[in-house]
N, C-alpha and C. Protein backbone atom coordinates (compact mmCIF):
# COMPACT_ATOMS: atom_id res chain seq x y z
N MET A 1 -2.58 -3.65 11.04
CA MET A 1 -2.54 -4.08 9.63
C MET A 1 -1.20 -3.33 9.31
N MET A 2 -0.51 -4.35 8.43
CA MET A 2 0.87 -3.82 7.81
C MET A 2 0.58 -3.39 6.57
N THR A 3 1.38 -2.31 6.21
CA THR A 3 1.34 -1.88 4.87
C THR A 3 2.54 -2.19 4.20
N LYS A 4 2.47 -2.49 2.88
CA LYS A 4 3.60 -2.90 1.87
C LYS A 4 4.49 -1.69 1.67
N ASN A 5 5.72 -1.81 1.77
CA ASN A 5 6.61 -0.84 1.26
C ASN A 5 6.49 -0.73 -0.26
N PRO A 6 6.28 0.74 -0.60
CA PRO A 6 5.99 0.79 -2.14
C PRO A 6 7.48 0.87 -2.84
N TYR A 7 8.41 0.84 -2.17
CA TYR A 7 9.87 0.90 -2.77
C TYR A 7 10.32 -0.55 -2.86
N ARG A 8 11.21 -0.66 -4.06
CA ARG A 8 11.78 -2.02 -4.33
C ARG A 8 13.10 -2.07 -3.71
N THR A 9 13.47 -3.25 -3.20
CA THR A 9 14.91 -3.29 -2.74
C THR A 9 15.75 -3.69 -4.07
N LYS A 10 17.11 -3.41 -3.83
CA LYS A 10 18.05 -3.67 -4.99
C LYS A 10 17.81 -5.18 -5.49
N ILE A 11 17.65 -6.12 -4.52
CA ILE A 11 17.53 -7.41 -4.97
C ILE A 11 16.27 -7.68 -5.62
N ASP A 12 15.23 -7.05 -5.29
CA ASP A 12 14.05 -7.02 -6.16
C ASP A 12 14.11 -6.56 -7.58
N VAL A 13 15.02 -5.37 -7.77
CA VAL A 13 15.14 -4.99 -9.05
C VAL A 13 16.11 -5.87 -9.93
N VAL A 14 17.07 -6.36 -9.24
CA VAL A 14 18.01 -7.42 -9.82
C VAL A 14 17.22 -8.66 -10.41
N ALA A 15 16.43 -9.18 -9.38
CA ALA A 15 15.50 -10.47 -9.69
C ALA A 15 14.51 -10.06 -11.04
N ARG A 16 13.93 -8.97 -10.88
CA ARG A 16 13.04 -8.52 -12.03
C ARG A 16 13.86 -8.40 -13.37
N ILE A 17 15.09 -7.79 -13.38
CA ILE A 17 16.07 -7.77 -14.48
C ILE A 17 16.29 -9.23 -15.02
N LEU A 18 16.69 -10.24 -14.24
CA LEU A 18 17.01 -11.57 -14.46
C LEU A 18 15.85 -12.19 -15.05
N LYS A 19 14.62 -11.85 -14.51
CA LYS A 19 13.30 -12.68 -15.11
C LYS A 19 13.00 -12.21 -16.50
N VAL A 20 13.07 -10.74 -16.72
CA VAL A 20 12.88 -10.27 -18.00
C VAL A 20 13.91 -10.75 -19.02
N ALA A 21 15.21 -11.04 -18.69
CA ALA A 21 16.08 -11.54 -19.60
C ALA A 21 16.40 -12.94 -19.75
N LEU A 22 15.39 -13.75 -18.96
CA LEU A 22 15.55 -15.11 -19.08
C LEU A 22 15.77 -15.67 -20.39
N ASN A 23 14.93 -15.20 -21.41
CA ASN A 23 15.11 -15.66 -22.74
C ASN A 23 15.52 -14.63 -23.78
N GLY A 24 16.28 -13.66 -23.21
CA GLY A 24 16.80 -12.49 -23.92
C GLY A 24 15.88 -11.40 -24.08
N ALA A 25 16.59 -10.23 -23.88
CA ALA A 25 15.84 -9.04 -23.91
C ALA A 25 16.68 -7.84 -24.22
N ASN A 26 16.28 -6.77 -25.11
CA ASN A 26 17.06 -5.82 -25.16
C ASN A 26 16.90 -4.69 -24.13
N LYS A 27 17.62 -3.64 -24.08
CA LYS A 27 17.49 -2.76 -22.94
C LYS A 27 16.18 -2.09 -22.82
N THR A 28 15.56 -1.78 -23.91
CA THR A 28 14.11 -1.04 -23.95
C THR A 28 13.20 -2.08 -23.20
N MET A 29 13.30 -3.30 -23.55
CA MET A 29 12.24 -4.30 -22.95
C MET A 29 12.60 -4.38 -21.35
N ILE A 30 13.70 -4.31 -21.06
CA ILE A 30 14.21 -4.34 -19.63
C ILE A 30 13.70 -3.27 -18.97
N ILE A 31 13.91 -2.04 -19.43
CA ILE A 31 13.44 -0.75 -19.03
C ILE A 31 11.78 -0.81 -18.72
N PHE A 32 11.25 -1.30 -19.88
CA PHE A 32 9.62 -1.24 -19.67
C PHE A 32 9.10 -2.27 -18.67
N LEU A 33 9.58 -3.54 -18.92
CA LEU A 33 9.04 -4.80 -18.08
C LEU A 33 9.61 -4.70 -16.67
N ALA A 34 10.67 -4.28 -16.50
CA ALA A 34 11.22 -4.06 -15.06
C ALA A 34 10.97 -2.73 -14.33
N ARG A 35 10.20 -1.90 -15.25
CA ARG A 35 9.74 -0.63 -14.70
C ARG A 35 10.92 0.27 -14.14
N LEU A 36 11.85 0.38 -14.99
CA LEU A 36 13.06 1.16 -14.60
C LEU A 36 13.21 2.45 -15.35
N SER A 37 13.93 3.36 -14.95
CA SER A 37 14.39 4.60 -15.76
C SER A 37 15.49 4.06 -16.48
N ASN A 38 15.88 4.85 -17.61
CA ASN A 38 17.03 4.37 -18.31
C ASN A 38 18.27 4.53 -17.63
N GLN A 39 18.39 5.55 -16.66
CA GLN A 39 19.46 5.63 -15.81
C GLN A 39 19.56 4.52 -14.82
N MET A 40 18.55 4.10 -14.21
CA MET A 40 18.53 3.06 -13.33
C MET A 40 18.85 1.79 -14.04
N ALA A 41 18.30 1.55 -15.30
CA ALA A 41 18.58 0.38 -15.93
C ALA A 41 20.08 0.32 -16.40
N SER A 42 20.61 1.39 -16.79
CA SER A 42 22.01 1.41 -17.14
C SER A 42 23.01 0.89 -15.95
N ARG A 43 22.60 1.51 -14.72
CA ARG A 43 23.35 1.30 -13.63
C ARG A 43 23.24 -0.39 -13.06
N TYR A 44 21.97 -0.68 -13.10
CA TYR A 44 21.81 -2.15 -12.79
C TYR A 44 22.27 -3.23 -13.80
N LEU A 45 22.23 -2.78 -15.07
CA LEU A 45 22.85 -3.70 -16.11
C LEU A 45 24.28 -3.83 -15.92
N GLU A 46 24.96 -2.68 -15.70
CA GLU A 46 26.46 -2.67 -15.46
C GLU A 46 26.79 -3.67 -14.23
N HIS A 47 25.87 -3.59 -13.15
CA HIS A 47 26.08 -4.31 -11.96
C HIS A 47 25.94 -5.82 -12.29
N VAL A 48 24.88 -6.19 -12.94
CA VAL A 48 24.67 -7.75 -13.28
C VAL A 48 25.52 -8.25 -14.23
N LEU A 49 26.03 -7.31 -15.22
CA LEU A 49 27.10 -7.80 -16.20
C LEU A 49 28.47 -8.23 -15.33
N TYR A 50 28.70 -7.13 -14.41
CA TYR A 50 29.94 -7.24 -13.60
C TYR A 50 29.97 -8.56 -12.88
N HIS A 51 28.87 -8.88 -12.45
CA HIS A 51 28.79 -10.02 -11.51
C HIS A 51 28.45 -11.50 -12.30
N ARG A 52 28.28 -11.18 -13.66
CA ARG A 52 28.09 -12.34 -14.57
C ARG A 52 26.77 -13.04 -14.29
N LEU A 53 25.74 -12.10 -13.99
CA LEU A 53 24.33 -12.72 -13.70
C LEU A 53 23.78 -12.59 -15.18
N VAL A 54 24.17 -11.84 -16.01
CA VAL A 54 23.60 -11.65 -17.32
C VAL A 54 24.73 -11.64 -18.37
N THR A 55 24.70 -12.06 -19.54
CA THR A 55 25.37 -11.92 -20.69
C THR A 55 24.92 -10.95 -21.70
N TYR A 56 25.86 -10.28 -22.67
CA TYR A 56 25.43 -9.31 -23.48
C TYR A 56 25.81 -9.80 -24.82
N ASP A 57 25.00 -9.95 -25.72
CA ASP A 57 25.34 -10.28 -27.19
C ASP A 57 25.30 -8.98 -27.91
N LYS A 58 26.49 -8.36 -28.24
CA LYS A 58 26.58 -7.13 -28.91
C LYS A 58 25.99 -7.16 -30.22
N GLU A 59 26.19 -8.30 -31.17
CA GLU A 59 25.53 -8.60 -32.38
C GLU A 59 24.12 -8.43 -32.35
N LYS A 60 23.46 -8.96 -31.37
CA LYS A 60 21.96 -9.08 -31.34
C LYS A 60 21.33 -7.95 -30.47
N ASN A 61 22.33 -7.32 -29.81
CA ASN A 61 21.94 -6.35 -28.79
C ASN A 61 20.92 -6.80 -27.79
N LEU A 62 21.21 -8.05 -27.20
CA LEU A 62 20.39 -8.75 -26.23
C LEU A 62 21.12 -9.07 -25.11
N TYR A 63 20.41 -8.80 -23.84
CA TYR A 63 20.96 -9.32 -22.56
C TYR A 63 20.22 -10.50 -22.23
N LYS A 64 20.91 -11.48 -21.75
CA LYS A 64 20.41 -12.88 -21.46
C LYS A 64 20.89 -13.35 -20.05
N THR A 65 19.95 -13.77 -19.24
CA THR A 65 20.27 -14.44 -17.83
C THR A 65 21.33 -15.56 -18.14
N SER A 66 22.42 -15.48 -17.31
CA SER A 66 23.40 -16.61 -17.32
C SER A 66 22.89 -17.67 -16.53
N GLN A 67 23.66 -18.70 -16.40
CA GLN A 67 23.34 -19.89 -15.53
C GLN A 67 23.45 -19.39 -14.08
N LYS A 68 24.49 -18.57 -13.91
CA LYS A 68 24.62 -18.04 -12.50
C LYS A 68 23.61 -17.11 -12.05
N GLY A 69 23.12 -16.51 -13.07
CA GLY A 69 21.86 -15.61 -12.88
C GLY A 69 20.64 -16.24 -12.66
N ARG A 70 20.50 -17.48 -13.36
CA ARG A 70 19.36 -18.37 -13.13
C ARG A 70 19.26 -18.98 -11.75
N GLU A 71 20.58 -19.33 -11.18
CA GLU A 71 20.60 -19.89 -9.85
C GLU A 71 20.30 -18.79 -8.96
N PHE A 72 20.71 -17.64 -9.05
CA PHE A 72 20.56 -16.42 -8.16
C PHE A 72 18.96 -16.23 -8.12
N PHE A 73 18.41 -16.12 -9.22
CA PHE A 73 16.84 -15.90 -9.41
C PHE A 73 16.07 -16.89 -8.84
N MET A 74 16.49 -18.28 -8.94
CA MET A 74 15.83 -19.29 -8.35
C MET A 74 15.89 -19.23 -6.72
N CYS A 75 17.15 -19.03 -6.30
CA CYS A 75 17.34 -18.78 -4.85
C CYS A 75 16.37 -17.81 -4.25
N GLY A 76 16.32 -16.63 -5.02
CA GLY A 76 15.28 -15.58 -4.65
C GLY A 76 13.85 -15.98 -4.57
N LYS A 77 13.47 -16.86 -5.53
CA LYS A 77 12.02 -17.28 -5.49
C LYS A 77 11.94 -18.07 -4.39
N THR A 78 12.90 -19.06 -4.11
CA THR A 78 12.73 -19.78 -2.88
C THR A 78 12.62 -19.15 -1.61
N VAL A 79 13.36 -18.04 -1.46
CA VAL A 79 13.30 -17.29 -0.26
C VAL A 79 11.90 -16.67 -0.18
N GLN A 80 11.37 -16.02 -1.13
CA GLN A 80 10.20 -15.57 -1.31
C GLN A 80 9.01 -16.37 -0.75
N ILE A 81 9.11 -17.74 -1.34
CA ILE A 81 8.07 -18.65 -1.03
C ILE A 81 8.06 -18.86 0.59
N HIS A 82 9.10 -19.12 1.06
CA HIS A 82 9.30 -19.37 2.48
C HIS A 82 9.19 -18.16 3.34
N ALA A 83 8.99 -17.01 2.93
CA ALA A 83 8.92 -15.89 3.80
C ALA A 83 7.54 -15.69 4.41
């Protein structure tokens, strides 16, 4: 019997952030729904912003998954289905 690894990969965390931010989310929502600490959320948000997987609207204080992020997210879902 195989046991599931309780730790998430970096790709898992990024995919979760992209999912939460599909329709726009503030940092608190991302922390709560992606189950991240504030420090981890800051690090990962910096990463996904750098790679243009999400955009940030300073006026609304919202992160939103970009088209590139949507494509990345959909590729990840396809890999999960076929795994």
